Amino acid sequence: MEINVIVKVGSKENKIEKVDDYYKVSLKARAEKGEANLELIRVLKKYFGKEVKILKGFKSKRKVLRVVWLFCNSNK
């Protein structure tokens, strides 16, 4: 699943809000040395309970991310 995200850095708290067809994510981290991107991945991973990867927008506040749904086949 691909999601669109708008990131706000330097907030007082980490917060995720679903708005129409995108997510608005506020992060405590600053946009320095990739810190905000790492924090974004960590926060969304916890929110979805799945792996998250940035596809587009590494240096932008508008990003496209992929939530990776892992499947396990237990038919042995």
PDB file of N, CA and C in Angstrom:
ATOM      1  N   MET A   1       0.849  -1.169   0.000  1.00  0.00           N
ATOM      2  CA  MET A   1       0.000   0.000   0.000  1.00  0.00           C
ATOM      3  C   MET A   1       0.899   1.238   0.000  1.00  0.00           C
ATOM      4  N   GLU A   2       0.626   2.186  -0.867  1.00  0.00           N
ATOM      5  CA  GLU A   2       1.357   3.445  -0.908  1.00  0.00           C
ATOM      6  C   GLU A   2       0.522   4.528  -0.253  1.00  0.00           C
ATOM      7  N   ILE A   3       1.187   5.378   0.538  1.00  0.00           N
ATOM      8  CA  ILE A   3       0.495   6.471   1.214  1.00  0.00           C
ATOM      9  C   ILE A   3       1.215   7.775   0.929  1.00  0.00           C
ATOM     10  N   ASN A   4       0.453   8.855   0.893  1.00  0.00           N
ATOM     11  CA  ASN A   4       0.997  10.200   0.752  1.00  0.00           C
ATOM     12  C   ASN A   4       1.068  10.823   2.130  1.00  0.00           C
ATOM     13  N   VAL A   5       2.176  11.509   2.396  1.00  0.00           N
ATOM     14  CA  VAL A   5       2.418  12.084   3.716  1.00  0.00           C
ATOM     15  C   VAL A   5       2.924  13.515   3.569  1.00  0.00           C
ATOM     16  N   ILE A   6       2.429  14.382   4.434  1.00  0.00           N
ATOM     17  CA  ILE A   6       2.995  15.720   4.571  1.00  0.00           C
ATOM     18  C   ILE A   6       3.588  15.784   5.971  1.00  0.00           C
ATOM     19  N   VAL A   7       4.869  16.155   6.048  1.00  0.00           N
ATOM     20  CA  VAL A   7       5.602  16.130   7.305  1.00  0.00           C
ATOM     21  C   VAL A   7       5.840  17.545   7.816  1.00  0.00           C
ATOM     22  N   LYS A   8       5.605  17.721   9.112  1.00  0.00           N
ATOM     23  CA  LYS A   8       5.939  18.973   9.783  1.00  0.00           C
ATOM     24  C   LYS A   8       6.987  18.630  10.835  1.00  0.00           C
ATOM     25  N   VAL A   9       8.146  19.242  10.744  1.00  0.00           N
ATOM     26  CA  VAL A   9       9.247  18.939  11.675  1.00  0.00           C
ATOM     27  C   VAL A   9       9.325  19.995  12.781  1.00  0.00           C
ATOM     28  N   GLY A  10      10.011  19.645  13.865  1.00  0.00           N
ATOM     29  CA  GLY A  10      10.206  20.580  14.968  1.00  0.00           C
ATOM     30  C   GLY A  10       8.971  20.800  15.814  1.00  0.00           C
ATOM     31  N   SER A  11       8.062  19.824  15.850  1.00  0.00           N
ATOM     32  CA  SER A  11       6.842  19.938  16.649  1.00  0.00           C
ATOM     33  C   SER A  11       7.109  19.588  18.109  1.00  0.00           C
ATOM     34  N   LYS A  12       6.160  19.885  18.966  1.00  0.00           N
ATOM     35  CA  LYS A  12       6.298  19.572  20.388  1.00  0.00           C
ATOM     36  C   LYS A  12       6.141  18.076  20.654  1.00  0.00           C
ATOM     37  N   GLU A  13       5.369  17.412  19.787  1.00  0.00           N
ATOM     38  CA  GLU A  13       5.143  15.973  19.960  1.00  0.00           C
ATOM     39  C   GLU A  13       4.990  15.297  18.604  1.00  0.00           C
ATOM     40  N   ASN A  14       5.218  13.985  18.572  1.00  0.00           N
ATOM     41  CA  ASN A  14       4.970  13.209  17.362  1.00  0.00           C
ATOM     42  C   ASN A  14       3.476  12.937  17.283  1.00  0.00           C
ATOM     43  N   LYS A  15       2.885  13.192  16.109  1.00  0.00           N
ATOM     44  CA  LYS A  15       1.441  13.056  15.951  1.00  0.00           C
ATOM     45  C   LYS A  15       1.121  12.675  14.504  1.00  0.00           C
ATOM     46  N   ILE A  16       0.145  11.784  14.341  1.00  0.00           N
ATOM     47  CA  ILE A  16      -0.298  11.367  13.002  1.00  0.00           C
ATOM     48  C   ILE A  16      -1.779  11.674  12.869  1.00  0.00           C
ATOM     49  N   GLU A  17      -2.129  12.318  11.763  1.00  0.00           N
ATOM     50  CA  GLU A  17      -3.524  12.671  11.511  1.00  0.00           C
ATOM     51  C   GLU A  17      -3.878  12.264  10.077  1.00  0.00           C
ATOM     52  N   LYS A  18      -4.959  11.524   9.905  1.00  0.00           N
ATOM     53  CA  LYS A  18      -5.444  11.128   8.571  1.00  0.00           C
ATOM     54  C   LYS A  18      -6.325  12.246   8.047  1.00  0.00           C
ATOM     55  N   VAL A  19      -5.967  12.801   6.878  1.00  0.00           N
ATOM     56  CA  VAL A  19      -6.714  13.888   6.265  1.00  0.00           C
ATOM     57  C   VAL A  19      -7.023  13.491   4.825  1.00  0.00           C
ATOM     58  N   ASP A  20      -8.287  13.278   4.522  1.00  0.00           N
ATOM     59  CA  ASP A  20      -8.714  12.877   3.179  1.00  0.00           C
ATOM     60  C   ASP A  20      -7.877  11.714   2.652  1.00  0.00           C
ATOM     61  N   ASP A  21      -7.040  11.960   1.634  1.00  0.00           N
ATOM     62  CA  ASP A  21      -6.269  10.882   1.008  1.00  0.00           C
ATOM     63  C   ASP A  21      -4.780  10.908   1.374  1.00  0.00           C
ATOM     64  N   TYR A  22      -4.430  11.607   2.461  1.00  0.00           N
ATOM     65  CA  TYR A  22      -3.031  11.637   2.894  1.00  0.00           C
ATOM     66  C   TYR A  22      -2.956  11.662   4.422  1.00  0.00           C
ATOM     67  N   TYR A  23      -1.748  11.493   4.933  1.00  0.00           N
ATOM     68  CA  TYR A  23      -1.492  11.562   6.367  1.00  0.00           C
ATOM     69  C   TYR A  23      -0.674  12.802   6.659  1.00  0.00           C
ATOM     70  N   LYS A  24      -1.034  13.522   7.712  1.00  0.00           N
ATOM     71  CA  LYS A  24      -0.272  14.669   8.169  1.00  0.00           C
ATOM     72  C   LYS A  24       0.479  14.210   9.416  1.00  0.00           C
ATOM     73  N   VAL A  25       1.814  14.253   9.355  1.00  0.00           N
ATOM     74  CA  VAL A  25       2.640  13.739  10.448  1.00  0.00           C
ATOM     75  C   VAL A  25       3.499  14.868  11.010  1.00  0.00           C
ATOM     76  N   SER A  26       3.329  15.119  12.308  1.00  0.00           N
ATOM     77  CA  SER A  26       4.156  16.093  13.017  1.00  0.00           C
ATOM     78  C   SER A  26       5.240  15.330  13.758  1.00  0.00           C
ATOM     79  N   LEU A  27       6.476  15.812  13.640  1.00  0.00           N
ATOM     80  CA  LEU A  27       7.615  15.135  14.256  1.00  0.00           C
ATOM     81  C   LEU A  27       8.401  16.093  15.137  1.00  0.00           C
ATOM     82  N   LYS A  28       8.927  15.570  16.236  1.00  0.00           N
ATOM     83  CA  LYS A  28       9.807  16.355  17.105  1.00  0.00           C
ATOM     84  C   LYS A  28      11.160  16.592  16.441  1.00  0.00           C
ATOM     85  N   ALA A  29      11.603  15.650  15.648  1.00  0.00           N
ATOM     86  CA  ALA A  29      12.929  15.710  15.018  1.00  0.00           C
ATOM     87  C   ALA A  29      13.030  16.882  14.037  1.00  0.00           C
ATOM     88  N   ARG A  30      14.241  17.347  13.856  1.00  0.00           N
ATOM     89  CA  ARG A  30      14.537  18.398  12.883  1.00  0.00           C
ATOM     90  C   ARG A  30      14.936  17.762  11.552  1.00  0.00           C
ATOM     91  N   ALA A  31      14.847  18.530  10.489  1.00  0.00           N
ATOM     92  CA  ALA A  31      15.224  18.048   9.158  1.00  0.00           C
ATOM     93  C   ALA A  31      16.718  18.247   8.939  1.00  0.00           C
ATOM     94  N   GLU A  32      17.520  17.584   9.743  1.00  0.00           N
ATOM     95  CA  GLU A  32      18.974  17.682   9.637  1.00  0.00           C
ATOM     96  C   GLU A  32      19.571  16.286   9.590  1.00  0.00           C
ATOM     97  N   LYS A  33      20.430  16.044   8.616  1.00  0.00           N
ATOM     98  CA  LYS A  33      21.148  14.775   8.477  1.00  0.00           C
ATOM     99  C   LYS A  33      20.214  13.564   8.443  1.00  0.00           C
ATOM    100  N   GLY A  34      19.025  13.729   7.870  1.00  0.00           N
ATOM    101  CA  GLY A  34      18.091  12.614   7.723  1.00  0.00           C
ATOM    102  C   GLY A  34      17.376  12.205   9.001  1.00  0.00           C
ATOM    103  N   GLU A  35      17.527  13.000  10.069  1.00  0.00           N
ATOM    104  CA  GLU A  35      16.908  12.659  11.349  1.00  0.00           C
ATOM    105  C   GLU A  35      15.394  12.591  11.243  1.00  0.00           C
ATOM    106  N   ALA A  36      14.774  13.528  10.536  1.00  0.00           N
ATOM    107  CA  ALA A  36      13.317  13.546  10.415  1.00  0.00           C
ATOM    108  C   ALA A  36      12.824  12.334   9.623  1.00  0.00           C
ATOM    109  N   ASN A  37      13.541  11.940   8.582  1.00  0.00           N
ATOM    110  CA  ASN A  37      13.141  10.756   7.809  1.00  0.00           C
ATOM    111  C   ASN A  37      13.203   9.497   8.659  1.00  0.00           C
ATOM    112  N   LEU A  38      14.242   9.355   9.465  1.00  0.00           N
ATOM    113  CA  LEU A  38      14.350   8.183  10.342  1.00  0.00           C
ATOM    114  C   LEU A  38      13.233   8.175  11.380  1.00  0.00           C
ATOM    115  N   GLU A  39      12.937   9.349  11.935  1.00  0.00           N
ATOM    116  CA  GLU A  39      11.856   9.457  12.919  1.00  0.00           C
ATOM    117  C   GLU A  39      10.503   9.166  12.266  1.00  0.00           C
ATOM    118  N   LEU A  40      10.311   9.645  11.035  1.00  0.00           N
ATOM    119  CA  LEU A  40       9.074   9.381  10.305  1.00  0.00           C
ATOM    120  C   LEU A  40       8.867   7.884  10.120  1.00  0.00           C
ATOM    121  N   ILE A  41       9.887   7.185   9.688  1.00  0.00           N
ATOM    122  CA  ILE A  41       9.793   5.735   9.483  1.00  0.00           C
ATOM    123  C   ILE A  41       9.482   5.040  10.806  1.00  0.00           C
ATOM    124  N   ARG A  42      10.152   5.443  11.880  1.00  0.00           N
ATOM    125  CA  ARG A  42       9.926   4.821  13.187  1.00  0.00           C
ATOM    126  C   ARG A  42       8.487   5.038  13.679  1.00  0.00           C
ATOM    127  N   VAL A  43       7.988   6.274  13.537  1.00  0.00           N
ATOM    128  CA  VAL A  43       6.637   6.612  14.005  1.00  0.00           C
ATOM    129  C   VAL A  43       5.577   5.877  13.190  1.00  0.00           C
ATOM    130  N   LEU A  44       5.732   5.852  11.865  1.00  0.00           N
ATOM    131  CA  LEU A  44       4.744   5.172  11.027  1.00  0.00           C
ATOM    132  C   LEU A  44       4.803   3.652  11.176  1.00  0.00           C
ATOM    133  N   LYS A  45       5.982   3.116  11.415  1.00  0.00           N
ATOM    134  CA  LYS A  45       6.120   1.678  11.652  1.00  0.00           C
ATOM    135  C   LYS A  45       5.340   1.287  12.910  1.00  0.00           C
ATOM    136  N   LYS A  46       5.445   2.100  13.925  1.00  0.00           N
ATOM    137  CA  LYS A  46       4.698   1.843  15.161  1.00  0.00           C
ATOM    138  C   LYS A  46       3.192   2.009  14.925  1.00  0.00           C
ATOM    139  N   TYR A  47       2.781   3.006  14.154  1.00  0.00           N
ATOM    140  CA  TYR A  47       1.376   3.295  13.878  1.00  0.00           C
ATOM    141  C   TYR A  47       0.709   2.157  13.097  1.00  0.00           C
ATOM    142  N   PHE A  48       1.374   1.692  12.030  1.00  0.00           N
ATOM    143  CA  PHE A  48       0.804   0.651  11.181  1.00  0.00           C
ATOM    144  C   PHE A  48       1.145  -0.759  11.667  1.00  0.00           C
ATOM    145  N   GLY A  49       2.209  -0.887  12.444  1.00  0.00           N
ATOM    146  CA  GLY A  49       2.662  -2.207  12.869  1.00  0.00           C
ATOM    147  C   GLY A  49       3.272  -2.990  11.720  1.00  0.00           C
ATOM    148  N   LYS A  50       3.758  -2.290  10.710  1.00  0.00           N
ATOM    149  CA  LYS A  50       4.345  -2.885   9.502  1.00  0.00           C
ATOM    150  C   LYS A  50       5.593  -2.112   9.117  1.00  0.00           C
ATOM    151  N   GLU A  51       6.402  -2.701   8.237  1.00  0.00           N
ATOM    152  CA  GLU A  51       7.581  -2.010   7.710  1.00  0.00           C
ATOM    153  C   GLU A  51       7.143  -0.861   6.808  1.00  0.00           C
ATOM    154  N   VAL A  52       7.906   0.224   6.824  1.00  0.00           N
ATOM    155  CA  VAL A  52       7.602   1.410   6.025  1.00  0.00           C
ATOM    156  C   VAL A  52       8.865   1.847   5.295  1.00  0.00           C
ATOM    157  N   LYS A  53       8.712   2.211   4.015  1.00  0.00           N
ATOM    158  CA  LYS A  53       9.839   2.674   3.200  1.00  0.00           C
ATOM    159  C   LYS A  53       9.455   3.963   2.487  1.00  0.00           C
ATOM    160  N   ILE A  54      10.392   4.898   2.428  1.00  0.00           N
ATOM    161  CA  ILE A  54      10.172   6.136   1.679  1.00  0.00           C
ATOM    162  C   ILE A  54      10.473   5.870   0.214  1.00  0.00           C
ATOM    163  N   LEU A  55       9.518   6.171  -0.659  1.00  0.00           N
ATOM    164  CA  LEU A  55       9.706   5.985  -2.100  1.00  0.00           C
ATOM    165  C   LEU A  55      10.105   7.289  -2.788  1.00  0.00           C
ATOM    166  N   LYS A  56       9.466   8.389  -2.403  1.00  0.00           N
ATOM    167  CA  LYS A  56       9.722   9.692  -3.026  1.00  0.00           C
ATOM    168  C   LYS A  56       9.703  10.775  -1.953  1.00  0.00           C
ATOM    169  N   GLY A  57      10.474  11.836  -2.183  1.00  0.00           N
ATOM    170  CA  GLY A  57      10.436  13.000  -1.311  1.00  0.00           C
ATOM    171  C   GLY A  57      11.407  12.967  -0.154  1.00  0.00           C
ATOM    172  N   PHE A  58      12.582  12.387  -0.346  1.00  0.00           N
ATOM    173  CA  PHE A  58      13.560  12.287   0.734  1.00  0.00           C
ATOM    174  C   PHE A  58      13.945  13.661   1.291  1.00  0.00           C
ATOM    175  N   LYS A  59      13.914  14.690   0.438  1.00  0.00           N
ATOM    176  CA  LYS A  59      14.303  16.036   0.874  1.00  0.00           C
ATOM    177  C   LYS A  59      13.132  17.017   0.824  1.00  0.00           C
ATOM    178  N   SER A  60      11.931  16.499   0.882  1.00  0.00           N
ATOM    179  CA  SER A  60      10.732  17.318   0.780  1.00  0.00           C
ATOM    180  C   SER A  60       9.807  17.041   1.962  1.00  0.00           C
ATOM    181  N   LYS A  61       8.909  17.988   2.254  1.00  0.00           N
ATOM    182  CA  LYS A  61       7.926  17.719   3.300  1.00  0.00           C
ATOM    183  C   LYS A  61       6.781  16.848   2.763  1.00  0.00           C
ATOM    184  N   ARG A  62       6.653  16.772   1.439  1.00  0.00           N
ATOM    185  CA  ARG A  62       5.661  15.892   0.814  1.00  0.00           C
ATOM    186  C   ARG A  62       6.359  14.613   0.392  1.00  0.00           C
ATOM    187  N   LYS A  63       5.860  13.480   0.880  1.00  0.00           N
ATOM    188  CA  LYS A  63       6.520  12.200   0.641  1.00  0.00           C
ATOM    189  C   LYS A  63       5.515  11.141   0.208  1.00  0.00           C
ATOM    190  N   VAL A  64       6.015  10.140  -0.484  1.00  0.00           N
ATOM    191  CA  VAL A  64       5.247   8.946  -0.809  1.00  0.00           C
ATOM    192  C   VAL A  64       5.962   7.788  -0.132  1.00  0.00           C
ATOM    193  N   LEU A  65       5.211   7.030   0.657  1.00  0.00           N
ATOM    194  CA  LEU A  65       5.786   5.906   1.386  1.00  0.00           C
ATOM    195  C   LEU A  65       5.040   4.631   1.045  1.00  0.00           C
ATOM    196  N   ARG A  66       5.737   3.516   1.213  1.00  0.00           N
ATOM    197  CA  ARG A  66       5.113   2.204   1.020  1.00  0.00           C
ATOM    198  C   ARG A  66       5.061   1.504   2.370  1.00  0.00           C
ATOM    199  N   VAL A  67       3.845   1.048   2.714  1.00  0.00           N
ATOM    200  CA  VAL A  67       3.665   0.222   3.908  1.00  0.00           C
ATOM    201  C   VAL A  67       3.733  -1.216   3.417  1.00  0.00           C
ATOM    202  N   VAL A  68       4.694  -1.967   3.933  1.00  0.00           N
ATOM    203  CA  VAL A  68       4.960  -3.321   3.450  1.00  0.00           C
ATOM    204  C   VAL A  68       4.214  -4.328   4.328  1.00  0.00           C
ATOM    205  N   TRP A  69       3.251  -4.984   3.733  1.00  0.00           N
ATOM    206  CA  TRP A  69       2.485  -6.010   4.442  1.00  0.00           C
ATOM    207  C   TRP A  69       3.211  -7.332   4.262  1.00  0.00           C
ATOM    208  N   LEU A  70       3.714  -7.871   5.338  1.00  0.00           N
ATOM    209  CA  LEU A  70       4.452  -9.131   5.290  1.00  0.00           C
ATOM    210  C   LEU A  70       3.496 -10.296   5.520  1.00  0.00           C
ATOM    211  N   PHE A  71       3.589 -11.291   4.667  1.00  0.00           N
ATOM    212  CA  PHE A  71       2.722 -12.463   4.776  1.00  0.00           C
ATOM    213  C   PHE A  71       3.555 -13.674   5.153  1.00  0.00           C
ATOM    214  N   CYS A  72       2.988 -14.526   5.945  1.00  0.00           N
ATOM    215  CA  CYS A  72       3.678 -15.735   6.397  1.00  0.00           C
ATOM    216  C   CYS A  72       2.843 -16.935   5.998  1.00  0.00           C
ATOM    217  N   ASN A  73       3.474 -17.889   5.344  1.00  0.00           N
ATOM    218  CA  ASN A  73       2.790 -19.114   4.953  1.00  0.00           C
ATOM    219  C   ASN A  73       3.155 -20.194   5.958  1.00  0.00           C
ATOM    220  N   SER A  74       2.185 -20.593   6.768  1.00  0.00           N
ATOM    221  CA  SER A  74       2.442 -21.578   7.818  1.00  0.00           C
ATOM    222  C   SER A  74       1.949 -22.975   7.439  1.00  0.00           C
ATOM    223  N   ASN A  75       1.728 -23.217   6.141  1.00  0.00           N
ATOM    224  CA  ASN A  75       1.276 -24.540   5.671  1.00  0.00           C
ATOM    225  C   ASN A  75       2.481 -25.432   5.446  1.00  0.00           C
ATOM    226  N   LYS A  76       2.921 -26.107   6.491  1.00  0.00           N
ATOM    227  CA  LYS A  76       4.083 -26.979   6.362  1.00  0.00           C
ATOM    228  C   LYS A  76       3.706 -28.418   6.596  1.00  0.00           C
TER     229      LYS A  76
END
